[in-house]
N, C-alpha and C. Protein backbone atom coordinates (compact mmCIF):
# COMPACT_ATOMS: atom_id res chain seq x y z
N UNK A 1 38.45 27.43 48.87
CA UNK A 1 37.23 27.42 49.68
C UNK A 1 36.76 25.98 49.94
N UNK A 2 36.81 25.18 48.81
CA UNK A 2 36.40 23.78 48.94
C UNK A 2 37.33 23.04 49.90
N UNK A 3 38.63 23.37 49.83
CA UNK A 3 39.60 22.71 50.71
C UNK A 3 39.31 23.02 52.17
N UNK A 4 38.95 24.27 52.44
CA UNK A 4 38.62 24.65 53.81
C UNK A 4 37.38 23.93 54.29
N UNK A 5 36.39 23.82 53.42
CA UNK A 5 35.14 23.15 53.77
C UNK A 5 35.38 21.67 54.07
N UNK A 6 36.17 21.02 53.18
CA UNK A 6 36.49 19.60 53.39
C UNK A 6 37.29 19.40 54.68
N UNK A 7 38.21 20.33 54.92
CA UNK A 7 39.03 20.23 56.13
C UNK A 7 38.16 20.33 57.38
N UNK A 8 37.15 21.21 57.33
CA UNK A 8 36.24 21.37 58.47
C UNK A 8 35.44 20.11 58.71
N UNK A 9 34.99 19.46 57.62
CA UNK A 9 34.22 18.22 57.74
C UNK A 9 35.08 17.11 58.35
N UNK A 10 36.32 16.99 57.82
CA UNK A 10 37.23 15.97 58.33
C UNK A 10 37.51 16.17 59.81
N UNK A 11 37.71 17.43 60.21
CA UNK A 11 37.99 17.75 61.62
C UNK A 11 36.80 17.39 62.49
N UNK A 12 35.59 17.69 62.01
CA UNK A 12 34.37 17.40 62.77
C UNK A 12 34.19 15.91 62.97
N UNK A 13 34.42 15.14 61.88
CA UNK A 13 34.29 13.68 61.96
C UNK A 13 35.30 13.11 62.94
N UNK A 14 36.53 13.61 62.87
CA UNK A 14 37.60 13.13 63.77
C UNK A 14 37.27 13.42 65.22
N UNK A 15 36.72 14.63 65.47
CA UNK A 15 36.36 15.01 66.84
C UNK A 15 35.25 14.14 67.37
N UNK A 16 34.24 13.87 66.53
CA UNK A 16 33.10 13.03 66.93
C UNK A 16 33.56 11.61 67.22
N UNK A 17 34.45 11.08 66.37
CA UNK A 17 34.97 9.72 66.56
C UNK A 17 35.76 9.61 67.85
N UNK A 18 36.57 10.66 68.12
CA UNK A 18 37.36 10.66 69.36
C UNK A 18 36.46 10.68 70.58
N UNK A 19 35.37 11.48 70.48
CA UNK A 19 34.43 11.57 71.61
C UNK A 19 33.75 10.24 71.86
N UNK A 20 33.33 9.56 70.77
CA UNK A 20 32.67 8.26 70.90
C UNK A 20 33.62 7.23 71.48
N UNK A 21 34.88 7.28 71.05
CA UNK A 21 35.88 6.33 71.57
C UNK A 21 36.11 6.53 73.06
N UNK A 22 36.21 7.81 73.48
CA UNK A 22 36.41 8.12 74.90
C UNK A 22 35.21 7.68 75.72
N UNK A 23 34.01 7.90 75.13
CA UNK A 23 32.78 7.53 75.84
C UNK A 23 32.72 6.03 76.07
N UNK A 24 33.09 5.25 75.05
CA UNK A 24 33.07 3.79 75.18
C UNK A 24 34.13 3.34 76.18
N UNK A 25 35.28 4.04 76.15
CA UNK A 25 36.36 3.68 77.06
C UNK A 25 35.94 3.89 78.50
N UNK A 26 35.26 5.00 78.75
CA UNK A 26 34.80 5.28 80.11
C UNK A 26 33.76 4.25 80.55
N UNK A 27 32.86 3.89 79.63
CA UNK A 27 31.86 2.87 79.95
C UNK A 27 30.94 3.24 81.09
N UNK A 28 30.65 4.51 81.27
CA UNK A 28 29.79 4.94 82.37
C UNK A 28 28.33 4.61 82.10
N UNK A 29 27.65 4.15 83.14
CA UNK A 29 26.22 3.86 83.06
C UNK A 29 25.52 4.51 84.24
N UNK A 30 24.46 5.24 83.96
CA UNK A 30 23.69 5.88 85.02
C UNK A 30 22.54 4.98 85.44
N UNK A 31 22.35 4.85 86.74
CA UNK A 31 21.22 4.10 87.30
C UNK A 31 20.33 5.07 88.07
N UNK A 32 19.03 4.99 87.82
CA UNK A 32 18.07 5.89 88.45
C UNK A 32 17.25 5.14 89.49
N UNK A 33 17.02 5.78 90.63
CA UNK A 33 16.31 5.14 91.74
C UNK A 33 14.85 4.91 91.42
N UNK A 34 14.37 3.71 91.72
CA UNK A 34 12.94 3.40 91.67
C UNK A 34 12.39 3.74 93.06
N UNK A 35 11.81 4.92 93.20
CA UNK A 35 11.41 5.41 94.53
C UNK A 35 10.31 4.56 95.16
N UNK A 36 9.44 3.97 94.33
CA UNK A 36 8.34 3.17 94.87
C UNK A 36 8.81 1.81 95.39
N UNK A 37 9.87 1.30 94.79
CA UNK A 37 10.38 -0.02 95.19
C UNK A 37 11.43 0.08 96.29
N UNK A 38 11.87 1.30 96.60
CA UNK A 38 12.93 1.50 97.59
C UNK A 38 12.36 1.92 98.94
N UNK A 39 13.12 1.66 100.00
CA UNK A 39 12.63 2.01 101.34
C UNK A 39 13.79 2.25 102.30
N UNK A 40 13.50 3.01 103.34
CA UNK A 40 14.46 3.25 104.43
C UNK A 40 13.70 3.14 105.74
N UNK A 41 13.95 2.07 106.47
CA UNK A 41 13.29 1.85 107.77
C UNK A 41 14.21 2.36 108.87
N UNK A 42 13.60 2.86 109.96
CA UNK A 42 14.39 3.36 111.08
C UNK A 42 13.88 2.81 112.41
N UNK A 43 14.76 2.85 113.40
CA UNK A 43 14.41 2.40 114.75
C UNK A 43 15.16 3.28 115.74
N UNK A 44 14.41 3.88 116.66
CA UNK A 44 15.05 4.73 117.66
C UNK A 44 14.24 4.75 118.94
N UNK A 45 14.92 5.03 120.05
CA UNK A 45 14.20 5.06 121.33
C UNK A 45 15.13 5.25 122.50
N UNK A 46 14.59 5.01 123.69
CA UNK A 46 15.36 5.20 124.92
C UNK A 46 16.22 3.99 125.28
N UNK A 47 15.77 2.81 124.86
CA UNK A 47 16.50 1.59 125.24
C UNK A 47 16.11 0.47 124.29
N UNK A 48 16.70 -0.71 124.52
CA UNK A 48 16.39 -1.88 123.69
C UNK A 48 14.95 -2.33 123.92
N UNK A 49 14.38 -1.95 125.08
CA UNK A 49 13.02 -2.34 125.41
C UNK A 49 11.99 -1.29 125.01
N UNK A 50 12.41 -0.02 125.00
CA UNK A 50 11.48 1.07 124.70
C UNK A 50 11.97 1.82 123.47
N UNK A 51 11.27 1.61 122.35
CA UNK A 51 11.69 2.23 121.09
C UNK A 51 10.50 2.35 120.15
N UNK A 52 10.71 3.08 119.05
CA UNK A 52 9.72 3.21 118.00
C UNK A 52 10.38 2.84 116.68
N UNK A 53 9.56 2.41 115.72
CA UNK A 53 10.05 2.09 114.38
C UNK A 53 9.21 2.83 113.35
N UNK A 54 9.79 3.00 112.16
CA UNK A 54 9.05 3.70 111.12
C UNK A 54 9.78 3.65 109.79
N UNK A 55 9.32 4.47 108.86
CA UNK A 55 9.91 4.50 107.53
C UNK A 55 10.01 5.91 106.98
N UNK A 56 10.92 6.07 106.03
CA UNK A 56 11.08 7.30 105.26
C UNK A 56 11.15 6.92 103.79
N UNK A 57 10.79 7.87 102.92
CA UNK A 57 10.82 7.61 101.49
C UNK A 57 11.80 8.52 100.77
N UNK A 58 12.32 8.05 99.67
CA UNK A 58 13.22 8.82 98.83
C UNK A 58 12.42 9.56 97.76
N UNK A 59 12.84 10.79 97.46
CA UNK A 59 12.19 11.56 96.40
C UNK A 59 12.94 11.42 95.08
N UNK A 60 14.26 11.35 95.13
CA UNK A 60 15.09 11.16 93.94
C UNK A 60 16.35 10.39 94.31
N UNK A 61 17.03 9.92 93.28
CA UNK A 61 18.30 9.24 93.52
C UNK A 61 18.89 8.67 92.25
N UNK A 62 20.20 8.59 92.20
CA UNK A 62 20.88 8.00 91.05
C UNK A 62 22.33 7.70 91.42
N UNK A 63 22.93 6.78 90.67
CA UNK A 63 24.36 6.49 90.83
C UNK A 63 24.99 6.37 89.45
N UNK A 64 26.28 6.58 89.40
CA UNK A 64 27.04 6.47 88.16
C UNK A 64 28.01 5.31 88.30
N UNK A 65 27.95 4.39 87.34
CA UNK A 65 28.83 3.22 87.36
C UNK A 65 29.82 3.29 86.21
N UNK A 66 31.04 2.81 86.46
CA UNK A 66 32.04 2.63 85.42
C UNK A 66 32.40 1.16 85.43
N UNK A 67 31.79 0.42 84.53
CA UNK A 67 31.93 -1.03 84.59
C UNK A 67 31.27 -1.55 85.85
N UNK A 68 32.06 -2.25 86.68
CA UNK A 68 31.52 -2.78 87.93
C UNK A 68 31.81 -1.86 89.12
N UNK A 69 32.42 -0.72 88.85
CA UNK A 69 32.80 0.20 89.92
C UNK A 69 31.80 1.34 90.07
N UNK A 70 31.28 1.50 91.30
CA UNK A 70 30.38 2.62 91.58
C UNK A 70 31.24 3.87 91.79
N UNK A 71 31.01 4.88 90.95
CA UNK A 71 31.84 6.07 90.97
C UNK A 71 31.28 7.17 91.87
N UNK A 72 29.97 7.41 91.76
CA UNK A 72 29.36 8.50 92.51
C UNK A 72 27.85 8.33 92.52
N UNK A 73 27.19 9.15 93.32
CA UNK A 73 25.73 9.08 93.37
C UNK A 73 25.17 10.11 94.33
N UNK A 74 23.87 10.26 94.30
CA UNK A 74 23.20 11.17 95.24
C UNK A 74 21.76 10.71 95.45
N UNK A 75 21.26 10.94 96.66
CA UNK A 75 19.90 10.57 97.01
C UNK A 75 19.29 11.65 97.89
N UNK A 76 18.01 11.90 97.70
CA UNK A 76 17.28 12.83 98.56
C UNK A 76 16.19 12.07 99.31
N UNK A 77 16.17 12.26 100.63
CA UNK A 77 15.14 11.66 101.48
C UNK A 77 14.13 12.74 101.82
N UNK A 78 12.87 12.49 101.53
CA UNK A 78 11.79 13.44 101.79
C UNK A 78 11.33 13.31 103.24
N UNK A 79 11.67 14.29 104.07
CA UNK A 79 11.35 14.20 105.49
C UNK A 79 9.86 14.33 105.79
N UNK A 80 9.08 14.81 104.83
CA UNK A 80 7.63 14.90 105.05
C UNK A 80 6.97 13.52 104.99
N UNK A 81 7.72 12.51 104.56
CA UNK A 81 7.16 11.16 104.43
C UNK A 81 7.36 10.31 105.69
N UNK A 82 7.95 10.88 106.73
CA UNK A 82 8.23 10.09 107.93
C UNK A 82 6.94 9.54 108.54
N UNK A 83 6.94 8.24 108.81
CA UNK A 83 5.79 7.58 109.44
C UNK A 83 6.28 6.68 110.56
N UNK A 84 5.40 6.44 111.51
CA UNK A 84 5.69 5.52 112.61
C UNK A 84 4.88 4.26 112.38
N UNK A 85 5.53 3.10 112.47
CA UNK A 85 4.87 1.84 112.14
C UNK A 85 4.89 0.84 113.29
N UNK A 86 4.94 1.33 114.53
CA UNK A 86 4.94 0.43 115.69
C UNK A 86 3.76 -0.54 115.63
N UNK A 87 4.04 -1.80 115.85
CA UNK A 87 2.99 -2.80 115.86
C UNK A 87 2.09 -2.58 117.08
N UNK A 88 0.79 -2.50 116.85
CA UNK A 88 -0.16 -2.35 117.93
C UNK A 88 -0.40 -0.92 118.37
N UNK A 89 0.35 0.04 117.84
CA UNK A 89 0.17 1.44 118.21
C UNK A 89 -1.03 2.01 117.44
N UNK A 90 -2.02 2.60 118.15
CA UNK A 90 -3.18 3.17 117.47
C UNK A 90 -2.76 4.19 116.41
N UNK A 91 -3.50 4.23 115.31
CA UNK A 91 -3.15 5.08 114.18
C UNK A 91 -3.01 6.54 114.56
N UNK A 92 -3.91 7.03 115.44
CA UNK A 92 -3.86 8.44 115.81
C UNK A 92 -2.59 8.77 116.61
N UNK A 93 -2.13 7.82 117.45
CA UNK A 93 -0.91 8.04 118.22
C UNK A 93 0.32 7.97 117.32
N UNK A 94 0.29 7.07 116.34
CA UNK A 94 1.40 6.96 115.39
C UNK A 94 1.53 8.25 114.58
N UNK A 95 0.39 8.79 114.17
CA UNK A 95 0.40 10.03 113.39
C UNK A 95 0.90 11.20 114.23
N UNK A 96 0.48 11.23 115.49
CA UNK A 96 0.91 12.30 116.39
C UNK A 96 2.41 12.23 116.64
N UNK A 97 2.94 11.04 116.81
CA UNK A 97 4.38 10.86 117.04
C UNK A 97 5.18 11.28 115.81
N UNK A 98 4.70 10.89 114.64
CA UNK A 98 5.38 11.28 113.40
C UNK A 98 5.40 12.80 113.27
N UNK A 99 4.29 13.44 113.62
CA UNK A 99 4.22 14.89 113.57
C UNK A 99 5.18 15.53 114.56
N UNK A 100 5.33 14.90 115.72
CA UNK A 100 6.24 15.40 116.75
C UNK A 100 7.69 15.37 116.24
N UNK A 101 8.03 14.35 115.47
CA UNK A 101 9.40 14.21 114.95
C UNK A 101 9.73 15.26 113.89
N UNK A 102 8.71 15.88 113.31
CA UNK A 102 8.95 16.93 112.30
C UNK A 102 9.19 18.30 112.92
N UNK A 103 8.98 18.41 114.22
CA UNK A 103 9.09 19.71 114.91
C UNK A 103 10.55 20.09 115.17
N UNK A 104 10.79 21.39 115.49
CA UNK A 104 12.16 21.87 115.75
C UNK A 104 12.91 21.08 116.83
N UNK A 105 12.18 20.48 117.74
CA UNK A 105 12.82 19.70 118.80
C UNK A 105 13.58 18.50 118.24
N UNK A 106 13.12 18.05 117.06
CA UNK A 106 13.79 16.90 116.44
C UNK A 106 14.36 17.26 115.06
N UNK A 107 13.58 17.06 113.99
CA UNK A 107 14.15 17.20 112.65
C UNK A 107 13.71 18.44 111.88
N UNK A 108 12.95 19.30 112.50
CA UNK A 108 12.63 20.63 111.95
C UNK A 108 12.41 20.60 110.43
N UNK A 109 11.46 19.80 109.99
CA UNK A 109 11.30 19.57 108.55
C UNK A 109 10.81 20.80 107.78
N UNK A 110 10.23 21.78 108.45
CA UNK A 110 9.82 23.01 107.76
C UNK A 110 11.05 23.75 107.24
N UNK A 111 12.13 23.73 108.03
CA UNK A 111 13.37 24.38 107.62
C UNK A 111 14.27 23.46 106.80
N UNK A 112 14.20 22.17 107.11
CA UNK A 112 15.06 21.19 106.44
C UNK A 112 14.19 20.06 105.89
N UNK A 113 13.53 20.30 104.74
CA UNK A 113 12.57 19.34 104.19
C UNK A 113 13.17 18.06 103.63
N UNK A 114 14.48 18.03 103.46
CA UNK A 114 15.07 16.82 102.91
C UNK A 114 16.45 16.54 103.50
N UNK A 115 16.85 15.29 103.41
CA UNK A 115 18.20 14.87 103.75
C UNK A 115 18.86 14.48 102.44
N UNK A 116 20.03 15.05 102.17
CA UNK A 116 20.75 14.73 100.94
C UNK A 116 21.94 13.84 101.26
N UNK A 117 22.03 12.75 100.52
CA UNK A 117 23.13 11.80 100.71
C UNK A 117 23.97 11.78 99.44
N UNK A 118 25.23 12.16 99.55
CA UNK A 118 26.16 12.11 98.43
C UNK A 118 27.04 10.88 98.57
N UNK A 119 27.14 10.13 97.50
CA UNK A 119 27.96 8.92 97.49
C UNK A 119 29.24 9.19 96.72
N UNK A 120 30.37 8.88 97.34
CA UNK A 120 31.67 9.17 96.70
C UNK A 120 32.43 7.91 96.30
N UNK A 121 31.87 6.73 96.59
CA UNK A 121 32.55 5.51 96.17
C UNK A 121 32.01 4.29 96.90
N UNK A 122 32.47 3.13 96.46
CA UNK A 122 32.06 1.86 97.08
C UNK A 122 33.26 0.91 97.05
N UNK A 123 33.77 0.62 98.25
CA UNK A 123 34.92 -0.28 98.36
C UNK A 123 34.78 -1.15 99.60
N UNK A 124 35.23 -2.40 99.48
CA UNK A 124 35.19 -3.34 100.60
C UNK A 124 33.79 -3.45 101.19
N UNK A 125 32.78 -3.48 100.32
CA UNK A 125 31.38 -3.62 100.72
C UNK A 125 30.89 -2.47 101.59
N UNK A 126 31.49 -1.30 101.41
CA UNK A 126 31.05 -0.13 102.16
C UNK A 126 30.83 1.05 101.22
N UNK A 127 29.73 1.74 101.44
CA UNK A 127 29.34 2.89 100.64
C UNK A 127 29.85 4.15 101.34
N UNK A 128 30.75 4.87 100.70
CA UNK A 128 31.29 6.11 101.28
C UNK A 128 30.29 7.24 101.04
N UNK A 129 29.80 7.84 102.13
CA UNK A 129 28.74 8.85 101.99
C UNK A 129 29.05 10.13 102.77
N UNK A 130 28.49 11.22 102.28
CA UNK A 130 28.45 12.48 103.00
C UNK A 130 26.98 12.85 103.12
N UNK A 131 26.47 12.92 104.34
CA UNK A 131 25.04 13.11 104.58
C UNK A 131 24.79 14.51 105.10
N UNK A 132 23.93 15.23 104.41
CA UNK A 132 23.56 16.58 104.83
C UNK A 132 22.23 16.51 105.57
N UNK A 133 22.29 16.73 106.89
CA UNK A 133 21.12 16.62 107.76
C UNK A 133 21.08 17.82 108.70
N UNK A 134 19.96 18.52 108.71
CA UNK A 134 19.80 19.71 109.56
C UNK A 134 20.88 20.75 109.30
N UNK A 135 21.27 20.88 108.04
CA UNK A 135 22.27 21.88 107.67
C UNK A 135 23.68 21.52 108.08
N UNK A 136 23.89 20.30 108.56
CA UNK A 136 25.20 19.84 108.97
C UNK A 136 25.56 18.58 108.19
N UNK A 137 26.82 18.22 108.20
CA UNK A 137 27.24 17.05 107.42
C UNK A 137 27.82 15.96 108.31
N UNK A 138 27.52 14.74 107.92
CA UNK A 138 28.06 13.55 108.57
C UNK A 138 28.70 12.69 107.49
N UNK A 139 29.93 12.28 107.70
CA UNK A 139 30.58 11.38 106.76
C UNK A 139 30.62 9.99 107.39
N UNK A 140 30.14 9.03 106.64
CA UNK A 140 30.09 7.68 107.19
C UNK A 140 30.16 6.65 106.07
N UNK A 141 30.87 5.55 106.34
CA UNK A 141 30.93 4.44 105.41
C UNK A 141 29.89 3.41 105.85
N UNK A 142 28.93 3.17 104.97
CA UNK A 142 27.80 2.31 105.32
C UNK A 142 28.01 0.90 104.77
N UNK A 143 27.85 -0.13 105.63
CA UNK A 143 27.97 -1.51 105.15
C UNK A 143 26.77 -1.85 104.27
N UNK A 144 27.03 -2.01 102.98
CA UNK A 144 25.96 -2.22 102.01
C UNK A 144 26.37 -3.29 101.01
N UNK A 145 25.41 -4.13 100.64
CA UNK A 145 25.64 -5.13 99.60
C UNK A 145 25.09 -4.61 98.28
N UNK A 146 25.92 -4.59 97.27
CA UNK A 146 25.50 -4.12 95.95
C UNK A 146 25.42 -5.28 94.98
N UNK A 147 24.36 -5.29 94.16
CA UNK A 147 24.19 -6.34 93.16
C UNK A 147 23.56 -5.77 91.90
N UNK A 148 23.97 -6.28 90.75
CA UNK A 148 23.38 -5.88 89.48
C UNK A 148 23.03 -7.14 88.69
N UNK A 149 22.11 -7.00 87.74
CA UNK A 149 21.78 -8.14 86.89
C UNK A 149 21.82 -7.73 85.42
N UNK A 150 21.61 -8.71 84.54
CA UNK A 150 21.72 -8.48 83.10
C UNK A 150 20.56 -7.65 82.54
N UNK A 151 19.53 -7.43 83.35
CA UNK A 151 18.37 -6.68 82.88
C UNK A 151 18.45 -5.19 83.26
N UNK A 152 19.61 -4.78 83.80
CA UNK A 152 19.79 -3.37 84.14
C UNK A 152 19.25 -2.98 85.50
N UNK A 153 19.12 -3.95 86.39
CA UNK A 153 18.62 -3.67 87.74
C UNK A 153 19.77 -3.69 88.73
N UNK A 154 19.76 -2.75 89.66
CA UNK A 154 20.76 -2.70 90.73
C UNK A 154 20.06 -2.63 92.07
N UNK A 155 20.62 -3.30 93.06
CA UNK A 155 20.10 -3.19 94.42
C UNK A 155 21.23 -2.84 95.38
N UNK A 156 20.91 -2.04 96.37
CA UNK A 156 21.83 -1.68 97.45
C UNK A 156 21.09 -1.92 98.76
N UNK A 157 21.56 -2.88 99.54
CA UNK A 157 20.88 -3.26 100.78
C UNK A 157 21.86 -3.29 101.94
N UNK A 158 21.42 -2.77 103.09
CA UNK A 158 22.29 -2.83 104.25
C UNK A 158 21.62 -2.35 105.52
N UNK A 159 22.13 -2.83 106.66
CA UNK A 159 21.67 -2.39 107.97
C UNK A 159 22.83 -1.72 108.69
N UNK A 160 22.55 -0.57 109.28
CA UNK A 160 23.62 0.18 109.93
C UNK A 160 23.03 1.12 110.98
N UNK A 161 23.90 1.65 111.83
CA UNK A 161 23.50 2.62 112.85
C UNK A 161 24.20 3.94 112.58
N UNK A 162 23.56 5.02 112.99
CA UNK A 162 24.14 6.34 112.81
C UNK A 162 24.03 7.12 114.11
N UNK A 163 25.15 7.66 114.56
CA UNK A 163 25.19 8.42 115.81
C UNK A 163 25.03 9.91 115.48
N UNK A 164 23.94 10.50 115.96
CA UNK A 164 23.63 11.91 115.68
C UNK A 164 24.03 12.84 116.82
N UNK A 165 24.86 12.38 117.73
CA UNK A 165 25.26 13.18 118.89
C UNK A 165 25.82 14.54 118.47
N UNK A 166 26.67 14.55 117.45
CA UNK A 166 27.35 15.78 117.04
C UNK A 166 26.37 16.85 116.53
N UNK A 167 25.17 16.45 116.13
CA UNK A 167 24.19 17.41 115.61
C UNK A 167 23.48 18.18 116.72
N UNK A 168 23.60 17.70 117.95
CA UNK A 168 23.01 18.35 119.13
C UNK A 168 21.51 18.63 118.95
N UNK A 169 20.80 17.61 118.55
CA UNK A 169 19.35 17.71 118.37
C UNK A 169 18.68 17.79 119.75
N UNK A 170 17.91 18.84 120.01
CA UNK A 170 17.32 19.03 121.35
C UNK A 170 16.58 17.82 121.90
N UNK A 171 15.79 17.17 121.06
CA UNK A 171 15.00 16.02 121.53
C UNK A 171 15.80 14.78 121.81
N UNK A 172 17.08 14.80 121.46
CA UNK A 172 17.95 13.65 121.69
C UNK A 172 18.99 13.91 122.77
N UNK A 173 18.73 14.94 123.60
CA UNK A 173 19.64 15.26 124.70
C UNK A 173 19.19 14.57 125.99
N UNK A 174 20.15 14.23 126.82
CA UNK A 174 19.86 13.58 128.10
C UNK A 174 19.29 14.61 129.08
N UNK A 175 18.23 14.24 129.77
CA UNK A 175 17.63 15.10 130.79
C UNK A 175 18.60 15.18 131.97
N UNK A 176 19.10 16.37 132.32
CA UNK A 176 20.08 16.50 133.40
C UNK A 176 19.55 16.06 134.76
N UNK A 177 18.23 16.12 134.95
CA UNK A 177 17.65 15.73 136.25
C UNK A 177 17.48 14.22 136.36
N UNK A 178 16.89 13.62 135.33
CA UNK A 178 16.62 12.18 135.39
C UNK A 178 17.77 11.34 134.85
N UNK A 179 18.62 11.98 134.04
CA UNK A 179 19.71 11.22 133.44
C UNK A 179 19.23 10.33 132.32
N UNK A 180 17.99 10.51 131.89
CA UNK A 180 17.43 9.67 130.84
C UNK A 180 17.17 10.51 129.58
N UNK A 181 16.99 9.83 128.49
CA UNK A 181 16.70 10.52 127.25
C UNK A 181 16.68 9.56 126.08
N UNK A 182 16.25 10.06 124.93
CA UNK A 182 16.22 9.25 123.72
C UNK A 182 17.64 9.13 123.17
N UNK A 183 18.02 7.94 122.81
CA UNK A 183 19.37 7.71 122.31
C UNK A 183 19.59 8.43 120.98
N UNK A 184 20.76 9.07 120.80
CA UNK A 184 21.07 9.73 119.52
C UNK A 184 21.51 8.74 118.44
N UNK A 185 21.59 7.47 118.81
CA UNK A 185 21.99 6.43 117.85
C UNK A 185 20.72 5.83 117.23
N UNK A 186 20.59 6.00 115.91
CA UNK A 186 19.42 5.51 115.19
C UNK A 186 19.84 4.34 114.30
N UNK A 187 19.02 3.28 114.31
CA UNK A 187 19.28 2.12 113.45
C UNK A 187 18.49 2.25 112.15
N UNK A 188 19.14 1.85 111.05
CA UNK A 188 18.49 1.95 109.74
C UNK A 188 18.59 0.62 108.97
N UNK A 189 17.57 0.40 108.14
CA UNK A 189 17.56 -0.76 107.23
C UNK A 189 17.28 -0.20 105.84
N UNK A 190 18.31 -0.21 104.99
CA UNK A 190 18.25 0.42 103.67
C UNK A 190 18.01 -0.61 102.57
N UNK A 191 17.03 -0.33 101.72
CA UNK A 191 16.75 -1.19 100.58
C UNK A 191 16.48 -0.32 99.35
N UNK A 192 17.47 -0.25 98.45
CA UNK A 192 17.36 0.59 97.27
C UNK A 192 17.28 -0.28 96.02
N UNK A 193 16.42 0.13 95.09
CA UNK A 193 16.29 -0.52 93.79
C UNK A 193 16.49 0.55 92.72
N UNK A 194 17.43 0.31 91.82
CA UNK A 194 17.70 1.26 90.75
C UNK A 194 17.65 0.56 89.39
N UNK A 195 17.40 1.35 88.37
CA UNK A 195 17.32 0.80 87.02
C UNK A 195 18.24 1.58 86.09
N UNK A 196 18.92 0.86 85.21
CA UNK A 196 19.84 1.51 84.27
C UNK A 196 19.07 2.46 83.36
N UNK A 197 19.62 3.65 83.23
CA UNK A 197 18.97 4.66 82.39
C UNK A 197 19.23 4.35 80.92
N UNK A 198 18.16 4.32 80.13
CA UNK A 198 18.29 3.98 78.71
C UNK A 198 18.54 5.25 77.89
């Protein structure tokens, strides 16, 4: 009986040691998004002369690192936070425009309250992403600069454009009579701040 008991203890210790060794070998570190310090600015409109600008906020986010290699991650953008920040635009008009963008004609936020971004890797200064927007997916490699410091802080910054033509958003369709419309190409300025999870 004592031999069986000792054998069980030895096996448990060996298993725990093996697990700790594997964990150290993997060297994975989780980074959690600082939602207050992070931002996503957007710019969209009919032309280079006629456009609107604004911001969106993240509700959650994290990435998994193995040493210096970004392995995976996910972020949720809260569509109820959309605001218009045009310089000189009266507050009531900015609020009305932001409300218009939440309607079914554009981003239908009642049905799709968030945008989920899955990160599958980072190579050659590009973030490989799968973006779930309006129940559809867009895969895009985003030009992003990643940096970390000794205090456990990570930043991901980049400017890029996204073509939403394939989503067939009603408000981004060309008027067949006038031949005019809001461009389906939206410009973004991404600034993420993450902290190593203790």
